C-alpha cells in the first residue's frame, strides 16, 4: 500500500470535499482518501498495482481542482 499527500488548489467547501473523496474513493485500488480542506491537502492510500498515482491526480483534475 502506498500513501501520498497531494497539494490540491481550488477546494473551498464541503461539496469540494465530497467530490474529491467520492470520486477518488470509487477508483479500484484506492483504500482511503481524506481531504484536509483548511490546508488544501488530500491524503490517499492506494495499491499501486491496481491504480496509478497519475490516474488519481487525473480524477481530481476532472473534478475541477488543480493538483500541484
PDB file of N, CA and C in Angstrom:
ATOM      1  N   UNK A   1       0.842  -1.186   0.000  1.00  0.00           N
ATOM      2  CA  UNK A   1       0.000   0.000   0.000  1.00  0.00           C
ATOM      3  C   UNK A   1       0.882   1.243   0.000  1.00  0.00           C
ATOM      4  N   UNK A   2       0.561   2.169  -0.865  1.00  0.00           N
ATOM      5  CA  UNK A   2       1.289   3.438  -0.916  1.00  0.00           C
ATOM      6  C   UNK A   2       0.437   4.527  -0.296  1.00  0.00           C
ATOM      7  N   UNK A   3       1.100   5.462   0.375  1.00  0.00           N
ATOM      8  CA  UNK A   3       0.419   6.614   0.956  1.00  0.00           C
ATOM      9  C   UNK A   3       1.044   7.874   0.388  1.00  0.00           C
ATOM     10  N   UNK A   4       0.209   8.764  -0.138  1.00  0.00           N
ATOM     11  CA  UNK A   4       0.700  10.042  -0.654  1.00  0.00           C
ATOM     12  C   UNK A   4      -0.151  11.174  -0.126  1.00  0.00           C
ATOM     13  N   UNK A   5       0.453  12.350  -0.034  1.00  0.00           N
ATOM     14  CA  UNK A   5      -0.284  13.561   0.293  1.00  0.00           C
ATOM     15  C   UNK A   5      -0.115  14.501  -0.884  1.00  0.00           C
ATOM     16  N   UNK A   6      -1.241  14.871  -1.487  1.00  0.00           N
ATOM     17  CA  UNK A   6      -1.233  15.743  -2.657  1.00  0.00           C
ATOM     18  C   UNK A   6      -1.657  17.148  -2.259  1.00  0.00           C
ATOM     19  N   UNK A   7      -1.034  18.152  -2.861  1.00  0.00           N
ATOM     20  CA  UNK A   7      -1.450  19.540  -2.679  1.00  0.00           C
ATOM     21  C   UNK A   7      -2.456  19.843  -3.783  1.00  0.00           C
ATOM     22  N   UNK A   8      -3.659  20.245  -3.378  1.00  0.00           N
ATOM     23  CA  UNK A   8      -4.730  20.478  -4.347  1.00  0.00           C
ATOM     24  C   UNK A   8      -5.306  21.876  -4.124  1.00  0.00           C
ATOM     25  N   UNK A   9      -5.366  22.660  -5.196  1.00  0.00           N
ATOM     26  CA  UNK A   9      -5.927  24.008  -5.065  1.00  0.00           C
ATOM     27  C   UNK A   9      -7.329  24.048  -5.669  1.00  0.00           C
ATOM     28  N   UNK A  10      -8.136  24.984  -5.158  1.00  0.00           N
ATOM     29  CA  UNK A  10      -9.481  25.187  -5.681  1.00  0.00           C
ATOM     30  C   UNK A  10     -10.577  24.601  -4.812  1.00  0.00           C
ATOM     31  N   UNK A  11     -10.220  23.862  -3.764  1.00  0.00           N
ATOM     32  CA  UNK A  11     -11.231  23.273  -2.875  1.00  0.00           C
ATOM     33  C   UNK A  11     -11.583  24.299  -1.800  1.00  0.00           C
ATOM     34  N   UNK A  12     -12.896  24.557  -1.624  1.00  0.00           N
ATOM     35  CA  UNK A  12     -13.276  25.598  -0.666  1.00  0.00           C
ATOM     36  C   UNK A  12     -14.479  25.259   0.211  1.00  0.00           C
ATOM     37  N   UNK A  13     -15.147  24.131  -0.041  1.00  0.00           N
ATOM     38  CA  UNK A  13     -16.363  23.846   0.722  1.00  0.00           C
ATOM     39  C   UNK A  13     -16.597  22.343   0.842  1.00  0.00           C
ATOM     40  N   UNK A  14     -17.664  21.977   1.539  1.00  0.00           N
ATOM     41  CA  UNK A  14     -17.955  20.552   1.743  1.00  0.00           C
ATOM     42  C   UNK A  14     -18.293  19.849   0.432  1.00  0.00           C
ATOM     43  N   UNK A  15     -18.846  20.577  -0.540  1.00  0.00           N
ATOM     44  CA  UNK A  15     -19.113  19.964  -1.841  1.00  0.00           C
ATOM     45  C   UNK A  15     -17.795  19.521  -2.488  1.00  0.00           C
ATOM     46  N   UNK A  16     -16.763  20.357  -2.361  1.00  0.00           N
ATOM     47  CA  UNK A  16     -15.440  20.027  -2.907  1.00  0.00           C
ATOM     48  C   UNK A  16     -14.904  18.754  -2.256  1.00  0.00           C
ATOM     49  N   UNK A  17     -15.044  18.682  -0.935  1.00  0.00           N
ATOM     50  CA  UNK A  17     -14.584  17.506  -0.186  1.00  0.00           C
ATOM     51  C   UNK A  17     -15.306  16.264  -0.690  1.00  0.00           C
ATOM     52  N   UNK A  18     -16.623  16.344  -0.816  1.00  0.00           N
ATOM     53  CA  UNK A  18     -17.420  15.200  -1.266  1.00  0.00           C
ATOM     54  C   UNK A  18     -17.063  14.795  -2.695  1.00  0.00           C
ATOM     55  N   UNK A  19     -16.821  15.773  -3.564  1.00  0.00           N
ATOM     56  CA  UNK A  19     -16.487  15.485  -4.958  1.00  0.00           C
ATOM     57  C   UNK A  19     -15.157  14.734  -5.042  1.00  0.00           C
ATOM     58  N   UNK A  20     -14.155  15.209  -4.321  1.00  0.00           N
ATOM     59  CA  UNK A  20     -12.835  14.582  -4.381  1.00  0.00           C
ATOM     60  C   UNK A  20     -12.855  13.225  -3.686  1.00  0.00           C
ATOM     61  N   UNK A  21     -13.343  13.189  -2.447  1.00  0.00           N
ATOM     62  CA  UNK A  21     -13.350  11.923  -1.703  1.00  0.00           C
ATOM     63  C   UNK A  21     -14.221  10.877  -2.387  1.00  0.00           C
ATOM     64  N   UNK A  22     -15.375  11.294  -2.890  1.00  0.00           N
ATOM     65  CA  UNK A  22     -16.296  10.360  -3.533  1.00  0.00           C
ATOM     66  C   UNK A  22     -15.739   9.760  -4.808  1.00  0.00           C
ATOM     67  N   UNK A  23     -15.189  10.608  -5.677  1.00  0.00           N
ATOM     68  CA  UNK A  23     -14.705  10.125  -6.977  1.00  0.00           C
ATOM     69  C   UNK A  23     -13.385   9.390  -6.882  1.00  0.00           C
ATOM     70  N   UNK A  24     -12.464   9.870  -6.063  1.00  0.00           N
ATOM     71  CA  UNK A  24     -11.191   9.160  -5.901  1.00  0.00           C
ATOM     72  C   UNK A  24     -11.446   7.847  -5.162  1.00  0.00           C
ATOM     73  N   UNK A  25     -12.344   7.875  -4.187  1.00  0.00           N
ATOM     74  CA  UNK A  25     -12.670   6.684  -3.406  1.00  0.00           C
ATOM     75  C   UNK A  25     -13.276   5.558  -4.229  1.00  0.00           C
ATOM     76  N   UNK A  26     -13.888   5.908  -5.369  1.00  0.00           N
ATOM     77  CA  UNK A  26     -14.504   4.897  -6.245  1.00  0.00           C
ATOM     78  C   UNK A  26     -13.487   4.148  -7.101  1.00  0.00           C
ATOM     79  N   UNK A  27     -12.281   4.688  -7.216  1.00  0.00           N
ATOM     80  CA  UNK A  27     -11.269   4.052  -8.073  1.00  0.00           C
ATOM     81  C   UNK A  27     -10.850   2.708  -7.492  1.00  0.00           C
ATOM     82  N   UNK A  28     -10.761   1.707  -8.357  1.00  0.00           N
ATOM     83  CA  UNK A  28     -10.327   0.382  -7.933  1.00  0.00           C
ATOM     84  C   UNK A  28      -8.878   0.468  -7.463  1.00  0.00           C
ATOM     85  N   UNK A  29      -8.616   0.045  -6.241  1.00  0.00           N
ATOM     86  CA  UNK A  29      -7.261   0.084  -5.702  1.00  0.00           C
ATOM     87  C   UNK A  29      -7.053   1.170  -4.668  1.00  0.00           C
ATOM     88  N   UNK A  30      -7.993   2.115  -4.581  1.00  0.00           N
ATOM     89  CA  UNK A  30      -7.882   3.172  -3.568  1.00  0.00           C
ATOM     90  C   UNK A  30      -8.488   2.659  -2.269  1.00  0.00           C
ATOM     91  N   UNK A  31      -7.663   2.613  -1.222  1.00  0.00           N
ATOM     92  CA  UNK A  31      -8.140   2.122   0.072  1.00  0.00           C
ATOM     93  C   UNK A  31      -8.805   3.234   0.873  1.00  0.00           C
ATOM     94  N   UNK A  32      -8.191   4.417   0.884  1.00  0.00           N
ATOM     95  CA  UNK A  32      -8.791   5.537   1.616  1.00  0.00           C
ATOM     96  C   UNK A  32      -8.362   6.856   1.001  1.00  0.00           C
ATOM     97  N   UNK A  33      -9.224   7.852   1.177  1.00  0.00           N
ATOM     98  CA  UNK A  33      -8.928   9.205   0.714  1.00  0.00           C
ATOM     99  C   UNK A  33      -9.511  10.178   1.727  1.00  0.00           C
ATOM    100  N   UNK A  34      -8.707  11.146   2.144  1.00  0.00           N
ATOM    101  CA  UNK A  34      -9.141  12.120   3.147  1.00  0.00           C
ATOM    102  C   UNK A  34      -8.708  13.508   2.705  1.00  0.00           C
ATOM    103  N   UNK A  35      -9.695  14.408   2.565  1.00  0.00           N
ATOM    104  CA  UNK A  35      -9.414  15.790   2.176  1.00  0.00           C
ATOM    105  C   UNK A  35      -9.255  16.636   3.432  1.00  0.00           C
ATOM    106  N   UNK A  36      -8.205  17.438   3.459  1.00  0.00           N
ATOM    107  CA  UNK A  36      -7.978  18.412   4.536  1.00  0.00           C
ATOM    108  C   UNK A  36      -8.182  19.791   3.906  1.00  0.00           C
ATOM    109  N   UNK A  37      -9.419  20.281   4.009  1.00  0.00           N
ATOM    110  CA  UNK A  37      -9.836  21.495   3.318  1.00  0.00           C
ATOM    111  C   UNK A  37      -8.986  22.704   3.705  1.00  0.00           C
ATOM    112  N   UNK A  38      -8.721  22.871   5.008  1.00  0.00           N
ATOM    113  CA  UNK A  38      -8.007  24.045   5.506  1.00  0.00           C
ATOM    114  C   UNK A  38      -6.604  24.160   4.909  1.00  0.00           C
ATOM    115  N   UNK A  39      -5.929  23.026   4.758  1.00  0.00           N
ATOM    116  CA  UNK A  39      -4.550  23.050   4.267  1.00  0.00           C
ATOM    117  C   UNK A  39      -4.452  22.779   2.765  1.00  0.00           C
ATOM    118  N   UNK A  40      -5.575  22.413   2.137  1.00  0.00           N
ATOM    119  CA  UNK A  40      -5.552  22.116   0.704  1.00  0.00           C
ATOM    120  C   UNK A  40      -4.796  20.844   0.371  1.00  0.00           C
ATOM    121  N   UNK A  41      -4.851  19.880   1.272  1.00  0.00           N
ATOM    122  CA  UNK A  41      -4.135  18.622   1.060  1.00  0.00           C
ATOM    123  C   UNK A  41      -5.110  17.448   0.986  1.00  0.00           C
ATOM    124  N   UNK A  42      -4.707  16.431   0.241  1.00  0.00           N
ATOM    125  CA  UNK A  42      -5.509  15.218   0.107  1.00  0.00           C
ATOM    126  C   UNK A  42      -4.596  14.033   0.385  1.00  0.00           C
ATOM    127  N   UNK A  43      -4.933  13.242   1.405  1.00  0.00           N
ATOM    128  CA  UNK A  43      -4.189  12.025   1.721  1.00  0.00           C
ATOM    129  C   UNK A  43      -4.854  10.857   1.009  1.00  0.00           C
ATOM    130  N   UNK A  44      -4.057  10.081   0.300  1.00  0.00           N
ATOM    131  CA  UNK A  44      -4.592   8.925  -0.426  1.00  0.00           C
ATOM    132  C   UNK A  44      -3.744   7.698  -0.105  1.00  0.00           C
ATOM    133  N   UNK A  45      -4.428   6.609   0.227  1.00  0.00           N
ATOM    134  CA  UNK A  45      -3.777   5.320   0.436  1.00  0.00           C
ATOM    135  C   UNK A  45      -4.285   4.406  -0.682  1.00  0.00           C
ATOM    136  N   UNK A  46      -3.341   3.839  -1.462  1.00  0.00           N
ATOM    137  CA  UNK A  46      -3.766   3.065  -2.637  1.00  0.00           C
ATOM    138  C   UNK A  46      -2.789   1.947  -2.960  1.00  0.00           C
ATOM    139  N   UNK A  47      -3.276   0.982  -3.722  1.00  0.00           N
ATOM    140  CA  UNK A  47      -2.475  -0.142  -4.207  1.00  0.00           C
ATOM    141  C   UNK A  47      -1.972   0.222  -5.595  1.00  0.00           C
ATOM    142  N   UNK A  48      -0.669   0.480  -5.714  1.00  0.00           N
ATOM    143  CA  UNK A  48      -0.103   0.946  -6.982  1.00  0.00           C
ATOM    144  C   UNK A  48      -0.136  -0.118  -8.082  1.00  0.00           C
ATOM    145  N   UNK A  49      -0.434  -1.348  -7.722  1.00  0.00           N
ATOM    146  CA  UNK A  49      -0.566  -2.383  -8.746  1.00  0.00           C
ATOM    147  C   UNK A  49      -1.948  -2.347  -9.396  1.00  0.00           C
ATOM    148  N   UNK A  50      -2.903  -1.668  -8.736  1.00  0.00           N
ATOM    149  CA  UNK A  50      -4.269  -1.589  -9.262  1.00  0.00           C
ATOM    150  C   UNK A  50      -4.606  -0.223  -9.847  1.00  0.00           C
ATOM    151  N   UNK A  51      -4.014   0.830  -9.297  1.00  0.00           N
ATOM    152  CA  UNK A  51      -4.306   2.184  -9.780  1.00  0.00           C
ATOM    153  C   UNK A  51      -3.035   3.025  -9.685  1.00  0.00           C
ATOM    154  N   UNK A  52      -2.808   3.858 -10.701  1.00  0.00           N
ATOM    155  CA  UNK A  52      -1.599   4.684 -10.715  1.00  0.00           C
ATOM    156  C   UNK A  52      -1.856   6.019 -10.019  1.00  0.00           C
ATOM    157  N   UNK A  53      -0.790   6.615  -9.537  1.00  0.00           N
ATOM    158  CA  UNK A  53      -0.884   7.951  -8.937  1.00  0.00           C
ATOM    159  C   UNK A  53      -1.369   8.935  -9.987  1.00  0.00           C
ATOM    160  N   UNK A  54      -0.952   8.731 -11.233  1.00  0.00           N
ATOM    161  CA  UNK A  54      -1.381   9.586 -12.333  1.00  0.00           C
ATOM    162  C   UNK A  54      -2.901   9.551 -12.499  1.00  0.00           C
ATOM    163  N   UNK A  55      -3.501   8.359 -12.391  1.00  0.00           N
ATOM    164  CA  UNK A  55      -4.952   8.210 -12.522  1.00  0.00           C
ATOM    165  C   UNK A  55      -5.660   8.930 -11.382  1.00  0.00           C
ATOM    166  N   UNK A  56      -5.112   8.871 -10.177  1.00  0.00           N
ATOM    167  CA  UNK A  56      -5.695   9.568  -9.029  1.00  0.00           C
ATOM    168  C   UNK A  56      -5.662  11.079  -9.260  1.00  0.00           C
ATOM    169  N   UNK A  57      -4.509  11.577  -9.708  1.00  0.00           N
ATOM    170  CA  UNK A  57      -4.376  13.015  -9.997  1.00  0.00           C
ATOM    171  C   UNK A  57      -5.344  13.441 -11.095  1.00  0.00           C
ATOM    172  N   UNK A  58      -5.479  12.609 -12.122  1.00  0.00           N
ATOM    173  CA  UNK A  58      -6.378  12.888 -13.246  1.00  0.00           C
ATOM    174  C   UNK A  58      -7.829  12.969 -12.760  1.00  0.00           C
ATOM    175  N   UNK A  59      -8.197  12.085 -11.852  1.00  0.00           N
ATOM    176  CA  UNK A  59      -9.562  12.070 -11.310  1.00  0.00           C
ATOM    177  C   UNK A  59      -9.848  13.349 -10.527  1.00  0.00           C
ATOM    178  N   UNK A  60      -8.877  13.817  -9.753  1.00  0.00           N
ATOM    179  CA  UNK A  60      -9.040  15.082  -9.013  1.00  0.00           C
ATOM    180  C   UNK A  60      -9.142  16.239 -10.008  1.00  0.00           C
ATOM    181  N   UNK A  61      -8.295  16.219 -11.019  1.00  0.00           N
ATOM    182  CA  UNK A  61      -8.310  17.215 -12.086  1.00  0.00           C
ATOM    183  C   UNK A  61      -9.675  17.284 -12.757  1.00  0.00           C
ATOM    184  N   UNK A  62     -10.252  16.115 -13.027  1.00  0.00           N
ATOM    185  CA  UNK A  62     -11.557  16.018 -13.695  1.00  0.00           C
ATOM    186  C   UNK A  62     -12.671  16.653 -12.872  1.00  0.00           C
ATOM    187  N   UNK A  63     -12.459  16.800 -11.565  1.00  0.00           N
ATOM    188  CA  UNK A  63     -13.466  17.430 -10.702  1.00  0.00           C
ATOM    189  C   UNK A  63     -13.339  18.947 -10.704  1.00  0.00           C
ATOM    190  N   UNK A  64     -12.302  19.436 -11.383  1.00  0.00           N
ATOM    191  CA  UNK A  64     -12.125  20.886 -11.497  1.00  0.00           C
ATOM    192  C   UNK A  64     -11.113  21.469 -10.534  1.00  0.00           C
ATOM    193  N   UNK A  65     -10.300  20.632  -9.931  1.00  0.00           N
ATOM    194  CA  UNK A  65      -9.286  21.102  -8.979  1.00  0.00           C
ATOM    195  C   UNK A  65      -7.904  20.848  -9.552  1.00  0.00           C
ATOM    196  N   UNK A  66      -6.945  21.640  -9.122  1.00  0.00           N
ATOM    197  CA  UNK A  66      -5.593  21.513  -9.648  1.00  0.00           C
ATOM    198  C   UNK A  66      -4.680  20.831  -8.643  1.00  0.00           C
ATOM    199  N   UNK A  67      -4.044  19.758  -9.090  1.00  0.00           N
ATOM    200  CA  UNK A  67      -3.059  19.049  -8.273  1.00  0.00           C
ATOM    201  C   UNK A  67      -1.713  19.690  -8.559  1.00  0.00           C
ATOM    202  N   UNK A  68      -1.062  20.190  -7.506  1.00  0.00           N
ATOM    203  CA  UNK A  68       0.233  20.871  -7.694  1.00  0.00           C
ATOM    204  C   UNK A  68       1.376  19.909  -7.544  1.00  0.00           C
TER     205      UNK A  68
END
